[in-house]
Protein backbone atom coordinates (compact mmCIF):
# COMPACT_ATOMS: atom_id res chain seq x y z
CA MET A 1 20.60 36.86 3.41
CA PRO A 2 18.00 34.23 2.52
CA LEU A 3 18.68 30.53 2.36
CA ALA A 4 18.91 29.76 -1.37
CA VAL A 5 17.41 26.37 -2.28
CA CYS A 6 18.91 25.53 -5.67
CA ALA A 7 17.78 23.06 -8.31
CA THR A 8 20.72 21.39 -10.06
CA PRO A 9 20.96 19.29 -13.26
CA ILE A 10 19.40 15.82 -13.21
CA GLY A 11 22.01 14.57 -15.65
CA ASN A 12 23.31 17.00 -18.26
CA LEU A 13 25.60 19.46 -16.47
CA ASP A 14 24.70 22.20 -18.95
CA ASP A 15 21.10 22.28 -17.68
CA VAL A 16 21.71 25.24 -15.38
CA THR A 17 20.35 28.76 -15.11
CA LEU A 18 22.37 31.96 -15.00
CA ARG A 19 20.81 32.65 -11.61
CA LEU A 20 22.06 29.32 -10.23
CA LEU A 21 25.61 29.94 -11.43
CA ARG A 22 25.63 33.40 -9.86
CA GLU A 23 24.23 32.12 -6.56
CA LEU A 24 26.82 29.34 -6.29
CA ALA A 25 29.65 31.71 -7.18
CA GLU A 26 28.64 34.27 -4.54
CA ALA A 27 27.72 31.88 -1.72
CA ASP A 28 29.75 31.86 1.49
CA LEU A 29 28.77 28.22 1.99
CA VAL A 30 27.28 25.56 -0.33
CA LEU A 31 25.57 22.63 1.36
CA CYS A 32 25.85 19.51 -0.81
CA GLU A 33 24.35 16.05 -0.66
CA ASP A 34 27.70 14.80 -2.02
CA THR A 35 30.55 17.31 -2.22
CA ARG A 36 32.29 15.28 -4.95
CA HIS A 37 29.20 15.42 -7.14
CA THR A 38 28.71 19.15 -6.63
CA ARG A 39 32.40 19.81 -7.23
CA ARG A 40 32.07 18.33 -10.74
CA LEU A 41 29.26 20.77 -11.49
CA LEU A 42 31.30 23.69 -10.19
CA GLN A 43 34.37 22.65 -12.17
CA ARG A 44 32.30 22.29 -15.34
CA HIS A 45 31.26 25.94 -15.04
CA GLU A 46 34.56 27.21 -13.62
CA ILE A 47 33.07 28.33 -10.32
CA ARG A 48 35.01 28.65 -7.10
CA VAL A 49 33.17 28.87 -3.80
CA ALA A 50 34.35 29.70 -0.30
CA ARG A 51 33.40 26.32 1.14
CA LEU A 52 31.52 23.11 0.39
CA LEU A 53 29.92 21.24 3.28
CA SER A 54 28.16 17.88 3.19
CA TYR A 55 24.43 17.88 3.98
CA HIS A 56 22.73 14.52 3.61
CA GLU A 57 20.14 12.30 5.29
CA HIS A 58 22.61 10.98 7.87
CA ASN A 59 23.80 14.36 9.17
CA GLU A 60 20.82 16.58 8.38
CA ALA A 61 19.89 17.29 12.00
CA LYS A 62 23.49 18.07 13.00
CA ARG A 63 24.14 20.29 9.99
CA THR A 64 20.89 22.20 10.48
CA ALA A 65 21.96 23.08 14.03
CA GLU A 66 25.37 24.18 12.74
CA VAL A 67 24.19 26.21 9.77
CA LEU A 68 21.16 27.99 11.21
CA PRO A 69 23.24 30.42 13.34
CA ARG A 70 25.29 31.27 10.26
CA LEU A 71 22.12 32.08 8.32
CA GLN A 72 20.90 34.23 11.20
CA ALA A 73 24.25 36.03 11.18
CA GLY A 74 23.71 36.99 7.54
CA GLU A 75 25.93 34.51 5.72
CA ARG A 76 24.96 33.56 2.17
CA VAL A 77 24.13 29.85 2.13
CA ALA A 78 23.11 27.79 -0.91
CA LEU A 79 21.54 24.34 -0.53
CA VAL A 80 21.85 21.81 -3.37
CA SER A 81 21.24 18.08 -3.81
CA ASP A 82 22.89 15.72 -6.26
CA ALA A 83 20.10 16.21 -8.80
CA GLY A 84 16.93 18.30 -9.00
CA LEU A 85 15.43 20.36 -6.21
CA PRO A 86 16.39 19.76 -2.56
CA ALA A 87 13.60 18.53 -0.24
CA ILE A 88 11.82 16.71 -3.10
CA ASN A 89 12.79 13.14 -2.17
CA ASP A 90 16.16 14.58 -1.12
CA PRO A 91 17.54 16.19 2.07
CA GLY A 92 16.58 19.79 2.79
CA ARG A 93 13.18 19.85 4.46
CA ARG A 94 14.62 20.10 7.98
CA LEU A 95 16.82 23.10 7.21
CA ILE A 96 14.09 24.90 5.24
CA ALA A 97 11.61 24.44 8.09
CA ALA A 98 14.17 25.57 10.68
CA ALA A 99 15.06 28.66 8.65
CA ARG A 100 11.44 29.70 8.31
CA GLU A 101 10.78 29.10 12.00
CA ALA A 102 13.76 31.34 12.80
CA ALA A 103 12.40 34.04 10.46
CA VAL A 104 15.23 33.53 7.96
CA PRO A 105 13.95 34.14 4.41
CA VAL A 106 14.00 31.20 2.01
CA THR A 107 14.23 31.62 -1.74
CA VAL A 108 13.97 28.82 -4.31
CA LEU A 109 15.90 28.76 -7.57
CA PRO A 110 13.80 26.50 -9.84
CA GLY A 111 15.30 24.25 -12.45
CA PRO A 112 15.44 20.68 -13.76
CA SER A 113 12.96 18.10 -12.48
CA ALA A 114 13.13 14.37 -13.21
CA VAL A 115 9.43 14.09 -12.34
CA GLU A 116 8.18 16.60 -14.88
CA THR A 117 10.79 15.68 -17.50
CA ALA A 118 9.71 12.03 -17.38
CA LEU A 119 6.03 12.92 -17.40
CA VAL A 120 6.33 15.06 -20.53
CA ALA A 121 8.77 12.71 -22.30
CA SER A 122 6.43 9.75 -21.75
CA GLY A 123 3.50 11.46 -23.45
CA LEU A 124 1.30 10.25 -20.57
CA VAL A 125 0.36 13.70 -19.28
CA SER A 126 -3.09 14.11 -17.72
CA ASP A 127 -4.95 16.97 -16.02
CA ARG A 128 -3.28 16.03 -12.74
CA TYR A 129 -0.63 13.65 -11.50
CA GLN A 130 0.69 12.20 -8.26
CA PHE A 131 4.36 11.83 -7.30
CA LEU A 132 5.07 8.78 -5.14
CA GLY A 133 8.78 9.17 -4.44
CA TYR A 134 10.43 5.74 -4.54
CA LEU A 135 8.18 2.73 -5.06
CA PRO A 136 7.61 0.56 -1.98
CA ARG A 137 10.02 -2.36 -1.66
CA GLY A 138 7.81 -5.14 -0.30
CA GLU A 139 5.72 -7.26 -2.66
CA ARG A 140 2.59 -6.81 -0.57
CA ALA A 141 3.00 -3.03 -0.63
CA LEU A 142 3.58 -3.08 -4.39
CA GLN A 143 0.48 -5.23 -4.81
CA GLY A 144 -1.50 -2.71 -2.79
CA LEU A 145 -0.14 0.12 -4.91
CA GLY A 146 -1.25 -1.69 -8.06
CA GLU A 147 -4.74 -2.07 -6.64
CA GLU A 148 -4.78 1.62 -5.79
CA LEU A 149 -3.63 2.51 -9.31
CA ALA A 150 -6.57 0.54 -10.70
CA ARG A 151 -8.83 3.11 -8.99
CA TRP A 152 -6.63 6.14 -9.76
CA PRO A 153 -7.60 7.66 -13.13
CA TRP A 154 -4.67 10.08 -13.49
CA SER A 155 -0.94 9.79 -14.10
CA VAL A 156 1.54 8.65 -11.45
CA VAL A 157 5.30 9.29 -11.38
CA ALA A 158 7.76 7.36 -9.20
CA PHE A 159 11.47 6.67 -8.82
CA GLU A 160 12.92 3.17 -8.71
CA SER A 161 16.39 1.70 -8.51
CA PRO A 162 17.45 -0.23 -11.64
CA GLN A 163 18.05 -3.36 -9.53
CA ARG A 164 14.48 -3.39 -8.20
CA LEU A 165 12.81 -2.30 -11.45
CA PRO A 166 12.13 -5.80 -12.93
CA ARG A 167 10.39 -7.01 -9.79
CA ALA A 168 8.37 -3.81 -9.37
CA LEU A 169 7.12 -3.91 -12.96
CA SER A 170 6.29 -7.60 -12.65
CA VAL A 171 4.14 -7.08 -9.55
CA LEU A 172 2.33 -4.03 -10.94
CA ALA A 173 1.72 -5.82 -14.25
CA ARG A 174 -0.08 -8.63 -12.44
CA VAL A 175 -2.65 -6.14 -11.13
CA VAL A 176 -3.05 -3.63 -14.00
CA PRO A 177 -1.34 -5.28 -17.01
CA GLU A 178 -2.92 -3.06 -19.67
CA ARG A 179 -2.25 0.25 -17.93
CA PRO A 180 -0.09 2.49 -20.17
CA ALA A 181 3.27 3.30 -18.62
CA ALA A 182 6.82 4.39 -19.39
CA VAL A 183 10.29 3.63 -18.09
CA CYS A 184 12.47 6.73 -18.44
CA ARG A 185 16.16 5.98 -18.01
CA GLU A 186 19.18 8.31 -17.84
CA LEU A 187 17.09 11.42 -18.53
CA THR A 188 19.00 14.30 -20.20
CA LYS A 189 22.14 12.15 -20.44
CA ARG A 190 23.89 10.75 -23.49
CA PHE A 191 22.13 7.37 -23.35
CA GLU A 192 18.67 8.65 -22.47
CA GLU A 193 15.95 6.09 -23.10
CA VAL A 194 12.16 6.41 -22.83
CA VAL A 195 10.29 3.14 -23.36
CA VAL A 196 6.48 3.36 -23.52
CA GLY A 197 4.03 0.46 -23.44
CA THR A 198 1.62 -1.36 -21.18
CA LEU A 199 2.87 -2.45 -17.78
CA ALA A 200 2.82 -6.05 -19.06
CA GLU A 201 4.98 -5.09 -22.05
CA LEU A 202 7.41 -3.15 -19.88
CA ALA A 203 7.69 -6.03 -17.40
CA SER A 204 8.70 -8.27 -20.32
CA ARG A 205 11.07 -5.66 -21.77
CA PHE A 206 12.86 -5.04 -18.44
CA SER A 207 13.11 -8.59 -17.15
CA ASP A 208 16.77 -7.79 -16.42
CA ALA A 209 17.96 -4.76 -14.49
CA PRO A 210 18.97 -1.84 -16.74
CA LYS A 211 21.73 0.66 -15.99
CA GLY A 212 21.33 4.22 -14.81
CA GLU A 213 18.75 6.35 -13.00
CA VAL A 214 15.14 5.29 -13.58
CA THR A 215 11.86 7.20 -13.38
CA ILE A 216 8.56 5.41 -13.96
CA VAL A 217 5.38 7.01 -15.29
CA VAL A 218 2.04 5.20 -15.10
CA GLY A 219 -0.48 6.84 -17.41
CA PRO A 220 -4.12 7.68 -16.77
CA ALA A 221 -6.76 4.96 -17.03
CA GLN A 222 -8.86 4.95 -20.14
CA VAL A 223 -12.41 6.11 -19.43
CA THR A 224 -15.03 4.33 -21.53
CA VAL A 225 -18.22 5.92 -22.89
CA ALA A 226 -20.24 3.63 -20.63
CA ASN A 227 -18.34 4.88 -17.61
CA GLU A 228 -18.88 8.47 -18.68
CA GLY A 229 -22.62 7.90 -18.99
CA ALA A 230 -22.76 6.35 -15.54
CA ALA A 231 -20.72 9.25 -14.16
CA ALA A 232 -23.16 11.78 -15.65
CA GLU A 233 -26.06 9.91 -14.06
CA ALA A 234 -24.27 9.99 -10.71
CA VAL A 235 -23.90 13.77 -10.95
CA ALA A 236 -27.61 14.11 -11.76
CA ASP A 237 -28.52 11.97 -8.75
CA LEU A 238 -26.36 14.06 -6.43
CA VAL A 239 -27.83 17.31 -7.75
CA ALA A 240 -31.31 15.93 -7.26
CA ALA A 241 -30.36 15.10 -3.68
CA GLY A 242 -29.42 18.74 -3.05
CA ILE A 243 -25.66 18.72 -3.68
CA PRO A 244 -24.46 21.87 -5.56
CA ARG A 245 -23.84 21.09 -9.22
CA ARG A 246 -20.15 22.03 -9.25
CA ALA A 247 -19.46 20.08 -6.06
CA ALA A 248 -21.23 17.04 -7.48
CA ALA A 249 -19.29 17.22 -10.75
CA ASP A 250 -16.00 17.59 -8.86
CA LEU A 251 -16.73 14.63 -6.56
CA VAL A 252 -17.72 12.27 -9.39
CA SER A 253 -14.75 13.42 -11.48
CA ARG A 254 -12.34 12.51 -8.67
CA ILE A 255 -13.85 9.04 -8.38
CA THR A 256 -14.28 8.18 -12.08
CA GLY A 257 -11.65 10.22 -13.90
CA VAL A 258 -14.21 11.80 -16.27
CA ALA A 259 -13.39 15.47 -16.81
CA ARG A 260 -15.15 17.71 -14.30
CA ASN A 261 -16.12 20.36 -16.86
CA ARG A 262 -17.64 17.71 -19.11
CA LEU A 263 -19.73 16.33 -16.25
CA TYR A 264 -20.84 19.82 -15.24
CA ARG A 265 -21.94 20.72 -18.77
CA SER A 266 -23.77 17.44 -19.27
CA SER A 267 -25.73 18.02 -16.06
CA LEU A 268 -27.11 21.41 -17.15
């Protein structure tokens, strides 16, 4: 049997798939980041499983060594985290890698994602985005991130604890105060809140720590007409220097944020 990597609700316990419910019900073993948390999900959907076993960052190596022989013996094992998909900023990567190395099949049951839910809810979707995991804790590292964001023309999504949110917003707002952003709190839950504004506005709005799980979205930088004209000239210069047109358009697009197709067409 394959190792089943299962996405679970990020808040609302009804955000499950029929495939997830069947997999949990039929599993010989369910590995949980927190057995108490997973038990609430199982109780909500009236599912009984043979056994729940903790699998978290502090025992990941030990549990991987224990569980791998059971997978090789053909037991049905499901891996879940407290919210979302295991291995995405949650435990699971070690077991998945070990299973693949041991030629044990791995199947993924997709489902809720705080990253994509926040990105869409914020309205700050761009052609591409980068997920940062949790924001860095130190002020110098946050300052460096803000400086990097000033050069990054696409959307960025990150997690942050509510206690550290005011300080993080304050530091980022000092570097890129007018950058559009959103604080998405308690996604899919009863008191869901999505607040959109500039980083300066959000720093003022969240001067005190809020309650609940927080996901931050920083929107794409606004590209001015002047910047677009300069970008088109840069593509023309690269083409004249012998760089293939598509490669030149892609390179300048990555640096400036101007759409690659637009640069390519303007260079024809």
